[in-house]
Amino acid sequence: MSPGVLYVVVAGAGAVRHVPSRLVPLALERGWDVYVLATDQAARNFPEAVAQIAVVLGRPVRTDFHTTVGYSLPDPDAVIVAPATYNTVTKWALGIADTYVLTRLAEQVGRNIPITVGPYINARFANHPTYQGSLATLKEWGVNVVIGPNEPHESGDDAADDFPWEGILDTLPPASM
């Protein structure tokens, strides 16, 4: 059996700093062949984390439609969107596909593959009526939503230490496909 392909989509939230040291190693240990896609904000605001992800995986992080990274992505068997920001969650739930990441997410929902989202949201954004409706829409589509114990968090709080990486991975099927 070959390992399943896992897309990890990261958005521009503070918990992205833990992706190379926590999420990616956990996914690899579970047998996933991991490919990371980053929003423009994640790449711009957390370049060190994105660079570390590339080192851990031995392949570049994908940020756009172009094949400038030297390879095409295989189709995924599962997708994790974490950390997910207010912007990513709400635009995705509205069906807006105006960026590379949102286009890939729209496509994967249409393929009906397992997807889990782990929001990392400031409480002020989480209180916006659109946010709760967006989570409900994603759930209706079959997307697993995993909320961490300190989510939503207050502005300035670093809730990333308790981000539910293992709980997110636990929602996925086994990695061997």
N, C-alpha and C. Protein backbone atom coordinates (compact mmCIF):
# COMPACT_ATOMS: atom_id res chain seq x y z
N MET A 1 0.83 -1.18 0.00
CA MET A 1 0.00 0.00 0.00
C MET A 1 0.87 1.24 0.00
N SER A 2 0.44 2.24 -0.74
CA SER A 2 1.18 3.49 -0.76
C SER A 2 0.57 4.44 0.26
N PRO A 3 1.40 5.37 0.75
CA PRO A 3 0.84 6.33 1.72
C PRO A 3 -0.18 7.24 1.05
N GLY A 4 -1.17 7.64 1.81
CA GLY A 4 -2.15 8.58 1.31
C GLY A 4 -1.54 9.96 1.22
N VAL A 5 -2.04 10.74 0.29
CA VAL A 5 -1.57 12.11 0.09
C VAL A 5 -2.42 13.04 0.94
N LEU A 6 -1.75 13.82 1.76
CA LEU A 6 -2.40 14.78 2.64
C LEU A 6 -1.99 16.18 2.27
N TYR A 7 -2.96 17.02 1.95
CA TYR A 7 -2.70 18.45 1.81
C TYR A 7 -2.87 19.07 3.19
N VAL A 8 -1.92 19.89 3.57
CA VAL A 8 -2.06 20.73 4.76
C VAL A 8 -2.08 22.16 4.26
N VAL A 9 -3.20 22.82 4.46
CA VAL A 9 -3.38 24.20 4.02
C VAL A 9 -3.19 25.09 5.24
N VAL A 10 -2.22 26.00 5.16
CA VAL A 10 -1.95 26.91 6.28
C VAL A 10 -2.31 28.34 5.89
N ALA A 11 -2.93 29.03 6.83
CA ALA A 11 -3.29 30.43 6.62
C ALA A 11 -2.45 31.29 7.55
N GLY A 12 -2.56 32.60 7.40
CA GLY A 12 -1.72 33.55 8.12
C GLY A 12 -2.12 33.77 9.56
N ALA A 13 -2.05 32.73 10.38
CA ALA A 13 -2.36 32.82 11.80
C ALA A 13 -1.16 32.33 12.61
N GLY A 14 -1.03 32.81 13.83
CA GLY A 14 0.13 32.53 14.65
C GLY A 14 0.46 31.07 14.84
N ALA A 15 -0.54 30.21 14.84
CA ALA A 15 -0.29 28.78 15.03
C ALA A 15 0.51 28.16 13.89
N VAL A 16 0.64 28.87 12.77
CA VAL A 16 1.42 28.33 11.65
C VAL A 16 2.89 28.09 12.07
N ARG A 17 3.32 28.81 13.10
CA ARG A 17 4.69 28.61 13.59
C ARG A 17 4.93 27.19 14.10
N HIS A 18 3.85 26.50 14.50
CA HIS A 18 3.96 25.14 15.04
C HIS A 18 3.79 24.05 13.98
N VAL A 19 3.44 24.42 12.77
CA VAL A 19 3.21 23.42 11.73
C VAL A 19 4.46 22.61 11.44
N PRO A 20 5.65 23.23 11.28
CA PRO A 20 6.82 22.40 10.96
C PRO A 20 7.30 21.52 12.11
N SER A 21 7.03 21.92 13.34
CA SER A 21 7.53 21.14 14.47
C SER A 21 6.49 20.21 15.08
N ARG A 22 5.22 20.45 14.80
CA ARG A 22 4.18 19.62 15.43
C ARG A 22 3.31 18.90 14.40
N LEU A 23 2.60 19.64 13.57
CA LEU A 23 1.66 19.00 12.66
C LEU A 23 2.35 18.12 11.62
N VAL A 24 3.32 18.67 10.92
CA VAL A 24 3.96 17.89 9.85
C VAL A 24 4.61 16.62 10.40
N PRO A 25 5.41 16.68 11.47
CA PRO A 25 5.98 15.43 11.99
C PRO A 25 4.91 14.41 12.42
N LEU A 26 3.83 14.87 13.04
CA LEU A 26 2.75 13.96 13.44
C LEU A 26 2.12 13.29 12.22
N ALA A 27 1.87 14.06 11.18
CA ALA A 27 1.27 13.50 9.96
C ALA A 27 2.22 12.50 9.30
N LEU A 28 3.51 12.82 9.27
CA LEU A 28 4.49 11.90 8.69
C LEU A 28 4.57 10.61 9.51
N GLU A 29 4.55 10.74 10.83
CA GLU A 29 4.57 9.55 11.70
C GLU A 29 3.36 8.66 11.44
N ARG A 30 2.25 9.26 11.08
CA ARG A 30 1.04 8.48 10.81
C ARG A 30 1.02 7.94 9.39
N GLY A 31 2.09 8.16 8.65
CA GLY A 31 2.21 7.57 7.32
C GLY A 31 1.72 8.40 6.16
N TRP A 32 1.41 9.66 6.37
CA TRP A 32 0.92 10.51 5.28
C TRP A 32 2.08 11.03 4.44
N ASP A 33 1.83 11.18 3.15
CA ASP A 33 2.72 11.87 2.22
C ASP A 33 2.20 13.31 2.18
N VAL A 34 2.89 14.23 2.85
CA VAL A 34 2.37 15.56 3.13
C VAL A 34 2.83 16.60 2.11
N TYR A 35 1.89 17.39 1.65
CA TYR A 35 2.15 18.54 0.79
C TYR A 35 1.50 19.75 1.46
N VAL A 36 2.26 20.82 1.61
CA VAL A 36 1.73 22.01 2.27
C VAL A 36 1.47 23.11 1.26
N LEU A 37 0.29 23.70 1.38
CA LEU A 37 -0.13 24.83 0.58
C LEU A 37 -0.33 25.99 1.55
N ALA A 38 0.15 27.16 1.20
CA ALA A 38 0.06 28.32 2.09
C ALA A 38 -0.67 29.47 1.40
N THR A 39 -1.48 30.16 2.19
CA THR A 39 -2.09 31.39 1.69
C THR A 39 -1.00 32.44 1.51
N ASP A 40 -1.32 33.47 0.75
CA ASP A 40 -0.36 34.57 0.57
C ASP A 40 0.01 35.19 1.92
N GLN A 41 -1.00 35.35 2.79
CA GLN A 41 -0.74 35.95 4.11
C GLN A 41 0.20 35.08 4.93
N ALA A 42 0.02 33.77 4.89
CA ALA A 42 0.91 32.88 5.64
C ALA A 42 2.33 33.01 5.13
N ALA A 43 2.50 33.00 3.82
CA ALA A 43 3.85 33.11 3.24
C ALA A 43 4.48 34.46 3.53
N ARG A 44 3.68 35.51 3.50
CA ARG A 44 4.19 36.86 3.72
C ARG A 44 4.47 37.14 5.19
N ASN A 45 3.57 36.71 6.09
CA ASN A 45 3.70 37.04 7.50
C ASN A 45 4.53 36.05 8.31
N PHE A 46 4.69 34.84 7.81
CA PHE A 46 5.43 33.81 8.54
C PHE A 46 6.43 33.10 7.63
N PRO A 47 7.31 33.88 6.99
CA PRO A 47 8.25 33.25 6.03
C PRO A 47 9.18 32.23 6.68
N GLU A 48 9.54 32.44 7.95
CA GLU A 48 10.43 31.48 8.62
C GLU A 48 9.73 30.14 8.78
N ALA A 49 8.46 30.15 9.18
CA ALA A 49 7.71 28.91 9.34
C ALA A 49 7.54 28.19 8.00
N VAL A 50 7.23 28.96 6.96
CA VAL A 50 7.07 28.36 5.63
C VAL A 50 8.39 27.75 5.17
N ALA A 51 9.49 28.43 5.42
CA ALA A 51 10.81 27.88 5.06
C ALA A 51 11.12 26.62 5.86
N GLN A 52 10.77 26.60 7.14
CA GLN A 52 11.00 25.41 7.97
C GLN A 52 10.16 24.23 7.50
N ILE A 53 8.94 24.49 7.09
CA ILE A 53 8.08 23.43 6.55
C ILE A 53 8.75 22.80 5.34
N ALA A 54 9.27 23.63 4.45
CA ALA A 54 9.94 23.12 3.25
C ALA A 54 11.15 22.27 3.61
N VAL A 55 11.89 22.66 4.63
CA VAL A 55 13.05 21.88 5.07
C VAL A 55 12.60 20.53 5.61
N VAL A 56 11.59 20.53 6.47
CA VAL A 56 11.12 19.28 7.08
C VAL A 56 10.61 18.32 6.01
N LEU A 57 9.89 18.84 5.02
CA LEU A 57 9.31 17.99 3.98
C LEU A 57 10.28 17.67 2.85
N GLY A 58 11.29 18.51 2.68
CA GLY A 58 12.20 18.32 1.56
C GLY A 58 11.58 18.71 0.23
N ARG A 59 10.54 19.54 0.29
CA ARG A 59 9.90 20.06 -0.92
C ARG A 59 9.32 21.43 -0.62
N PRO A 60 9.22 22.27 -1.63
CA PRO A 60 8.70 23.63 -1.40
C PRO A 60 7.24 23.62 -0.99
N VAL A 61 6.86 24.68 -0.30
CA VAL A 61 5.46 24.93 0.04
C VAL A 61 4.82 25.60 -1.17
N ARG A 62 3.65 25.13 -1.53
CA ARG A 62 2.96 25.66 -2.71
C ARG A 62 2.15 26.89 -2.32
N THR A 63 2.30 27.98 -3.08
CA THR A 63 1.57 29.21 -2.80
C THR A 63 0.79 29.76 -4.00
N ASP A 64 0.97 29.13 -5.15
CA ASP A 64 0.27 29.65 -6.32
C ASP A 64 0.01 28.55 -7.34
N PHE A 65 -0.70 28.94 -8.40
CA PHE A 65 -1.10 28.00 -9.44
C PHE A 65 0.07 27.54 -10.30
N HIS A 66 1.10 28.31 -10.37
CA HIS A 66 2.19 28.03 -11.28
C HIS A 66 3.04 26.86 -10.79
N THR A 67 3.64 26.20 -11.71
CA THR A 67 4.48 25.05 -11.36
C THR A 67 5.93 25.47 -11.17
N THR A 68 6.14 26.69 -10.71
CA THR A 68 7.49 27.20 -10.52
C THR A 68 8.25 26.43 -9.44
N VAL A 69 7.55 25.66 -8.61
CA VAL A 69 8.23 24.89 -7.57
C VAL A 69 8.79 23.59 -8.13
N GLY A 70 8.52 23.30 -9.38
CA GLY A 70 9.15 22.17 -10.02
C GLY A 70 8.39 20.86 -9.96
N TYR A 71 7.20 20.86 -9.46
CA TYR A 71 6.40 19.63 -9.45
C TYR A 71 4.92 19.98 -9.44
N SER A 72 4.13 19.06 -9.94
CA SER A 72 2.68 19.18 -9.83
C SER A 72 2.23 18.41 -8.60
N LEU A 73 1.19 18.87 -7.99
CA LEU A 73 0.68 18.19 -6.81
C LEU A 73 -0.17 16.98 -7.20
N PRO A 74 0.04 15.87 -6.52
CA PRO A 74 -0.89 14.76 -6.72
C PRO A 74 -2.22 15.10 -6.08
N ASP A 75 -3.28 14.43 -6.50
CA ASP A 75 -4.57 14.64 -5.85
C ASP A 75 -4.50 14.14 -4.42
N PRO A 76 -5.11 14.88 -3.49
CA PRO A 76 -5.05 14.45 -2.09
C PRO A 76 -6.09 13.38 -1.77
N ASP A 77 -5.79 12.61 -0.73
CA ASP A 77 -6.75 11.67 -0.17
C ASP A 77 -7.45 12.29 1.03
N ALA A 78 -6.87 13.36 1.57
CA ALA A 78 -7.44 14.09 2.70
C ALA A 78 -6.81 15.48 2.74
N VAL A 79 -7.50 16.40 3.42
CA VAL A 79 -7.02 17.77 3.54
C VAL A 79 -7.22 18.24 4.97
N ILE A 80 -6.20 18.93 5.47
CA ILE A 80 -6.30 19.65 6.74
C ILE A 80 -6.13 21.13 6.43
N VAL A 81 -6.99 21.94 6.97
CA VAL A 81 -6.87 23.39 6.85
C VAL A 81 -6.64 23.91 8.27
N ALA A 82 -5.36 24.13 8.59
CA ALA A 82 -5.03 24.56 9.96
C ALA A 82 -3.62 25.13 10.00
N PRO A 83 -3.45 26.24 10.64
CA PRO A 83 -4.49 27.04 11.25
C PRO A 83 -5.30 27.77 10.17
N ALA A 84 -6.58 27.88 10.42
CA ALA A 84 -7.47 28.57 9.49
C ALA A 84 -7.89 29.91 10.09
N THR A 85 -7.81 30.93 9.29
CA THR A 85 -8.19 32.28 9.72
C THR A 85 -9.66 32.56 9.41
N TYR A 86 -10.16 33.63 9.98
CA TYR A 86 -11.51 34.11 9.69
C TYR A 86 -11.68 34.28 8.19
N ASN A 87 -10.72 34.91 7.55
CA ASN A 87 -10.81 35.19 6.12
C ASN A 87 -10.92 33.90 5.31
N THR A 88 -10.06 32.94 5.62
CA THR A 88 -10.08 31.68 4.87
C THR A 88 -11.39 30.93 5.10
N VAL A 89 -11.83 30.84 6.34
CA VAL A 89 -13.07 30.11 6.66
C VAL A 89 -14.27 30.76 5.98
N THR A 90 -14.41 32.07 6.10
CA THR A 90 -15.62 32.72 5.57
C THR A 90 -15.64 32.74 4.04
N LYS A 91 -14.50 33.02 3.43
CA LYS A 91 -14.48 33.02 1.96
C LYS A 91 -14.72 31.62 1.41
N TRP A 92 -14.11 30.62 2.03
CA TRP A 92 -14.29 29.24 1.59
C TRP A 92 -15.77 28.85 1.69
N ALA A 93 -16.41 29.17 2.80
CA ALA A 93 -17.82 28.81 3.00
C ALA A 93 -18.75 29.55 2.04
N LEU A 94 -18.33 30.70 1.57
CA LEU A 94 -19.12 31.44 0.59
C LEU A 94 -18.86 30.97 -0.84
N GLY A 95 -17.92 30.04 -1.00
CA GLY A 95 -17.61 29.53 -2.33
C GLY A 95 -16.71 30.44 -3.14
N ILE A 96 -16.07 31.37 -2.49
CA ILE A 96 -15.16 32.29 -3.18
C ILE A 96 -13.85 31.56 -3.45
N ALA A 97 -13.45 31.56 -4.70
CA ALA A 97 -12.22 30.87 -5.10
C ALA A 97 -11.31 31.85 -5.83
N ASP A 98 -10.92 32.90 -5.13
CA ASP A 98 -10.14 33.97 -5.76
C ASP A 98 -8.64 33.88 -5.46
N THR A 99 -8.21 32.81 -4.82
CA THR A 99 -6.79 32.59 -4.56
C THR A 99 -6.48 31.13 -4.85
N TYR A 100 -5.21 30.83 -4.93
CA TYR A 100 -4.79 29.45 -5.17
C TYR A 100 -5.37 28.51 -4.11
N VAL A 101 -5.19 28.85 -2.84
CA VAL A 101 -5.66 27.98 -1.76
C VAL A 101 -7.17 27.80 -1.80
N LEU A 102 -7.92 28.88 -1.96
CA LEU A 102 -9.38 28.77 -1.98
C LEU A 102 -9.87 27.97 -3.20
N THR A 103 -9.19 28.10 -4.31
CA THR A 103 -9.54 27.31 -5.49
C THR A 103 -9.33 25.83 -5.21
N ARG A 104 -8.19 25.49 -4.60
CA ARG A 104 -7.92 24.08 -4.28
C ARG A 104 -8.92 23.55 -3.26
N LEU A 105 -9.31 24.36 -2.27
CA LEU A 105 -10.30 23.92 -1.28
C LEU A 105 -11.66 23.70 -1.93
N ALA A 106 -12.07 24.59 -2.81
CA ALA A 106 -13.36 24.42 -3.50
C ALA A 106 -13.35 23.12 -4.30
N GLU A 107 -12.24 22.86 -4.96
CA GLU A 107 -12.11 21.63 -5.75
C GLU A 107 -12.21 20.38 -4.87
N GLN A 108 -11.54 20.41 -3.72
CA GLN A 108 -11.54 19.22 -2.87
C GLN A 108 -12.90 18.97 -2.22
N VAL A 109 -13.64 20.02 -1.90
CA VAL A 109 -15.01 19.84 -1.41
C VAL A 109 -15.82 19.15 -2.51
N GLY A 110 -15.63 19.57 -3.74
CA GLY A 110 -16.34 18.96 -4.87
C GLY A 110 -15.95 17.51 -5.11
N ARG A 111 -14.78 17.11 -4.66
CA ARG A 111 -14.33 15.71 -4.80
C ARG A 111 -14.84 14.85 -3.66
N ASN A 112 -15.40 15.47 -2.64
CA ASN A 112 -15.97 14.75 -1.51
C ASN A 112 -14.94 13.90 -0.76
N ILE A 113 -13.77 14.47 -0.56
CA ILE A 113 -12.74 13.78 0.22
C ILE A 113 -12.77 14.29 1.66
N PRO A 114 -12.19 13.55 2.60
CA PRO A 114 -12.19 14.01 3.99
C PRO A 114 -11.41 15.32 4.16
N ILE A 115 -12.04 16.28 4.77
CA ILE A 115 -11.42 17.58 5.04
C ILE A 115 -11.70 17.95 6.49
N THR A 116 -10.68 18.43 7.17
CA THR A 116 -10.83 18.93 8.53
C THR A 116 -10.26 20.33 8.61
N VAL A 117 -10.99 21.22 9.27
CA VAL A 117 -10.52 22.58 9.48
C VAL A 117 -10.32 22.81 10.97
N GLY A 118 -9.21 23.47 11.30
CA GLY A 118 -8.90 23.86 12.67
C GLY A 118 -8.73 25.37 12.73
N PRO A 119 -9.79 26.09 13.10
CA PRO A 119 -9.70 27.55 13.15
C PRO A 119 -8.78 28.05 14.27
N TYR A 120 -8.08 29.11 13.97
CA TYR A 120 -7.28 29.85 14.95
C TYR A 120 -7.75 31.29 14.80
N ILE A 121 -8.74 31.66 15.62
CA ILE A 121 -9.51 32.88 15.39
C ILE A 121 -9.51 33.78 16.61
N ASN A 122 -9.28 35.04 16.37
CA ASN A 122 -9.42 36.07 17.39
C ASN A 122 -10.90 36.16 17.78
N ALA A 123 -11.18 36.28 19.07
CA ALA A 123 -12.56 36.30 19.57
C ALA A 123 -13.41 37.38 18.90
N ARG A 124 -12.82 38.50 18.56
CA ARG A 124 -13.59 39.58 17.93
C ARG A 124 -14.11 39.15 16.56
N PHE A 125 -13.30 38.39 15.83
CA PHE A 125 -13.76 37.88 14.54
C PHE A 125 -14.75 36.74 14.73
N ALA A 126 -14.51 35.90 15.72
CA ALA A 126 -15.41 34.76 15.98
C ALA A 126 -16.80 35.23 16.37
N ASN A 127 -16.91 36.43 16.92
CA ASN A 127 -18.21 36.97 17.30
C ASN A 127 -18.99 37.56 16.13
N HIS A 128 -18.36 37.65 14.98
CA HIS A 128 -19.05 38.16 13.80
C HIS A 128 -20.06 37.12 13.33
N PRO A 129 -21.29 37.53 13.03
CA PRO A 129 -22.33 36.55 12.64
C PRO A 129 -21.94 35.67 11.44
N THR A 130 -21.15 36.19 10.54
CA THR A 130 -20.76 35.42 9.37
C THR A 130 -19.91 34.20 9.73
N TYR A 131 -19.10 34.34 10.76
CA TYR A 131 -18.18 33.26 11.13
C TYR A 131 -18.93 32.00 11.55
N GLN A 132 -19.86 32.11 12.47
CA GLN A 132 -20.61 30.93 12.92
C GLN A 132 -21.39 30.31 11.77
N GLY A 133 -21.96 31.14 10.92
CA GLY A 133 -22.67 30.63 9.74
C GLY A 133 -21.73 29.92 8.79
N SER A 134 -20.50 30.42 8.68
CA SER A 134 -19.51 29.78 7.81
C SER A 134 -19.13 28.40 8.33
N LEU A 135 -18.93 28.30 9.64
CA LEU A 135 -18.62 26.98 10.22
C LEU A 135 -19.78 26.01 10.00
N ALA A 136 -21.01 26.50 10.15
CA ALA A 136 -22.18 25.65 9.94
C ALA A 136 -22.24 25.17 8.49
N THR A 137 -21.93 26.05 7.55
CA THR A 137 -21.93 25.68 6.14
C THR A 137 -20.88 24.61 5.86
N LEU A 138 -19.68 24.80 6.38
CA LEU A 138 -18.64 23.81 6.17
C LEU A 138 -19.05 22.45 6.74
N LYS A 139 -19.66 22.46 7.92
CA LYS A 139 -20.14 21.20 8.52
C LYS A 139 -21.20 20.55 7.63
N GLU A 140 -22.10 21.36 7.07
CA GLU A 140 -23.13 20.82 6.16
C GLU A 140 -22.49 20.15 4.96
N TRP A 141 -21.35 20.64 4.53
CA TRP A 141 -20.63 20.06 3.39
C TRP A 141 -19.88 18.80 3.77
N GLY A 142 -19.86 18.47 5.05
CA GLY A 142 -19.13 17.29 5.50
C GLY A 142 -17.73 17.57 6.00
N VAL A 143 -17.36 18.84 6.09
CA VAL A 143 -16.05 19.21 6.62
C VAL A 143 -16.07 19.04 8.13
N ASN A 144 -15.05 18.35 8.66
CA ASN A 144 -14.90 18.23 10.11
C ASN A 144 -14.36 19.55 10.65
N VAL A 145 -14.94 20.03 11.72
CA VAL A 145 -14.47 21.27 12.36
C VAL A 145 -13.97 20.90 13.75
N VAL A 146 -12.70 21.19 14.00
CA VAL A 146 -12.10 20.90 15.30
C VAL A 146 -11.69 22.24 15.93
N ILE A 147 -12.32 22.55 17.05
CA ILE A 147 -12.06 23.80 17.76
C ILE A 147 -11.17 23.49 18.96
N GLY A 148 -10.07 24.19 19.08
CA GLY A 148 -9.15 23.98 20.19
C GLY A 148 -9.71 24.49 21.50
N PRO A 149 -9.11 24.06 22.62
CA PRO A 149 -9.61 24.42 23.94
C PRO A 149 -9.54 25.91 24.25
N ASN A 150 -8.68 26.64 23.57
CA ASN A 150 -8.55 28.08 23.81
C ASN A 150 -9.04 28.91 22.63
N GLU A 151 -9.90 28.32 21.84
CA GLU A 151 -10.45 29.02 20.69
C GLU A 151 -11.91 29.35 20.91
N PRO A 152 -12.33 30.52 20.47
CA PRO A 152 -11.50 31.60 19.95
C PRO A 152 -10.65 32.20 21.07
N HIS A 153 -9.58 32.86 20.67
CA HIS A 153 -8.67 33.45 21.66
C HIS A 153 -8.75 34.97 21.61
N GLU A 154 -8.33 35.57 22.70
CA GLU A 154 -8.32 37.04 22.78
C GLU A 154 -7.12 37.58 22.00
N SER A 155 -7.27 38.77 21.49
CA SER A 155 -6.18 39.43 20.78
C SER A 155 -4.95 39.49 21.67
N GLY A 156 -3.83 39.09 21.14
CA GLY A 156 -2.58 39.12 21.90
C GLY A 156 -2.29 37.83 22.64
N ASP A 157 -3.30 36.98 22.84
CA ASP A 157 -3.08 35.69 23.48
C ASP A 157 -2.41 34.75 22.49
N ASP A 158 -1.56 33.90 22.99
CA ASP A 158 -0.96 32.89 22.14
C ASP A 158 -1.57 31.54 22.50
N ALA A 159 -2.64 31.21 21.80
CA ALA A 159 -3.34 29.94 22.04
C ALA A 159 -2.72 28.81 21.24
N ALA A 160 -1.66 29.09 20.51
CA ALA A 160 -1.07 28.10 19.60
C ALA A 160 -0.47 26.91 20.34
N ASP A 161 -0.02 27.10 21.58
CA ASP A 161 0.57 25.99 22.32
C ASP A 161 -0.43 24.87 22.56
N ASP A 162 -1.71 25.20 22.66
CA ASP A 162 -2.74 24.20 22.90
C ASP A 162 -3.55 23.88 21.65
N PHE A 163 -3.02 24.23 20.50
CA PHE A 163 -3.76 23.97 19.27
C PHE A 163 -3.93 22.46 19.08
N PRO A 164 -5.10 22.00 18.65
CA PRO A 164 -5.41 20.57 18.66
C PRO A 164 -4.89 19.78 17.44
N TRP A 165 -3.60 19.80 17.22
CA TRP A 165 -3.02 19.12 16.05
C TRP A 165 -3.41 17.64 16.01
N GLU A 166 -3.24 16.93 17.13
CA GLU A 166 -3.56 15.51 17.14
C GLU A 166 -5.05 15.26 16.93
N GLY A 167 -5.88 16.07 17.55
CA GLY A 167 -7.32 15.93 17.36
C GLY A 167 -7.73 16.14 15.92
N ILE A 168 -7.08 17.06 15.25
CA ILE A 168 -7.35 17.30 13.83
C ILE A 168 -6.96 16.06 13.02
N LEU A 169 -5.77 15.53 13.26
CA LEU A 169 -5.33 14.33 12.55
C LEU A 169 -6.22 13.13 12.85
N ASP A 170 -6.74 13.07 14.06
CA ASP A 170 -7.61 11.94 14.45
C ASP A 170 -8.89 11.87 13.64
N THR A 171 -9.30 12.96 13.01
CA THR A 171 -10.54 12.97 12.23
C THR A 171 -10.36 12.35 10.85
N LEU A 172 -9.11 12.13 10.45
CA LEU A 172 -8.83 11.62 9.11
C LEU A 172 -8.84 10.10 9.08
N PRO A 173 -9.08 9.53 7.90
CA PRO A 173 -8.97 8.08 7.76
C PRO A 173 -7.50 7.68 7.88
N PRO A 174 -7.20 6.39 7.98
CA PRO A 174 -5.79 5.95 8.02
C PRO A 174 -5.05 6.41 6.76
N ALA A 175 -3.76 6.63 6.90
CA ALA A 175 -2.95 7.18 5.81
C ALA A 175 -2.72 6.20 4.66
N SER A 176 -2.74 4.94 4.88
CA SER A 176 -2.49 3.96 3.81
C SER A 176 -3.72 3.83 2.95
N MET A 177 -3.52 4.08 1.67
CA MET A 177 -4.66 4.06 0.73
C MET A 177 -4.49 2.90 -0.23
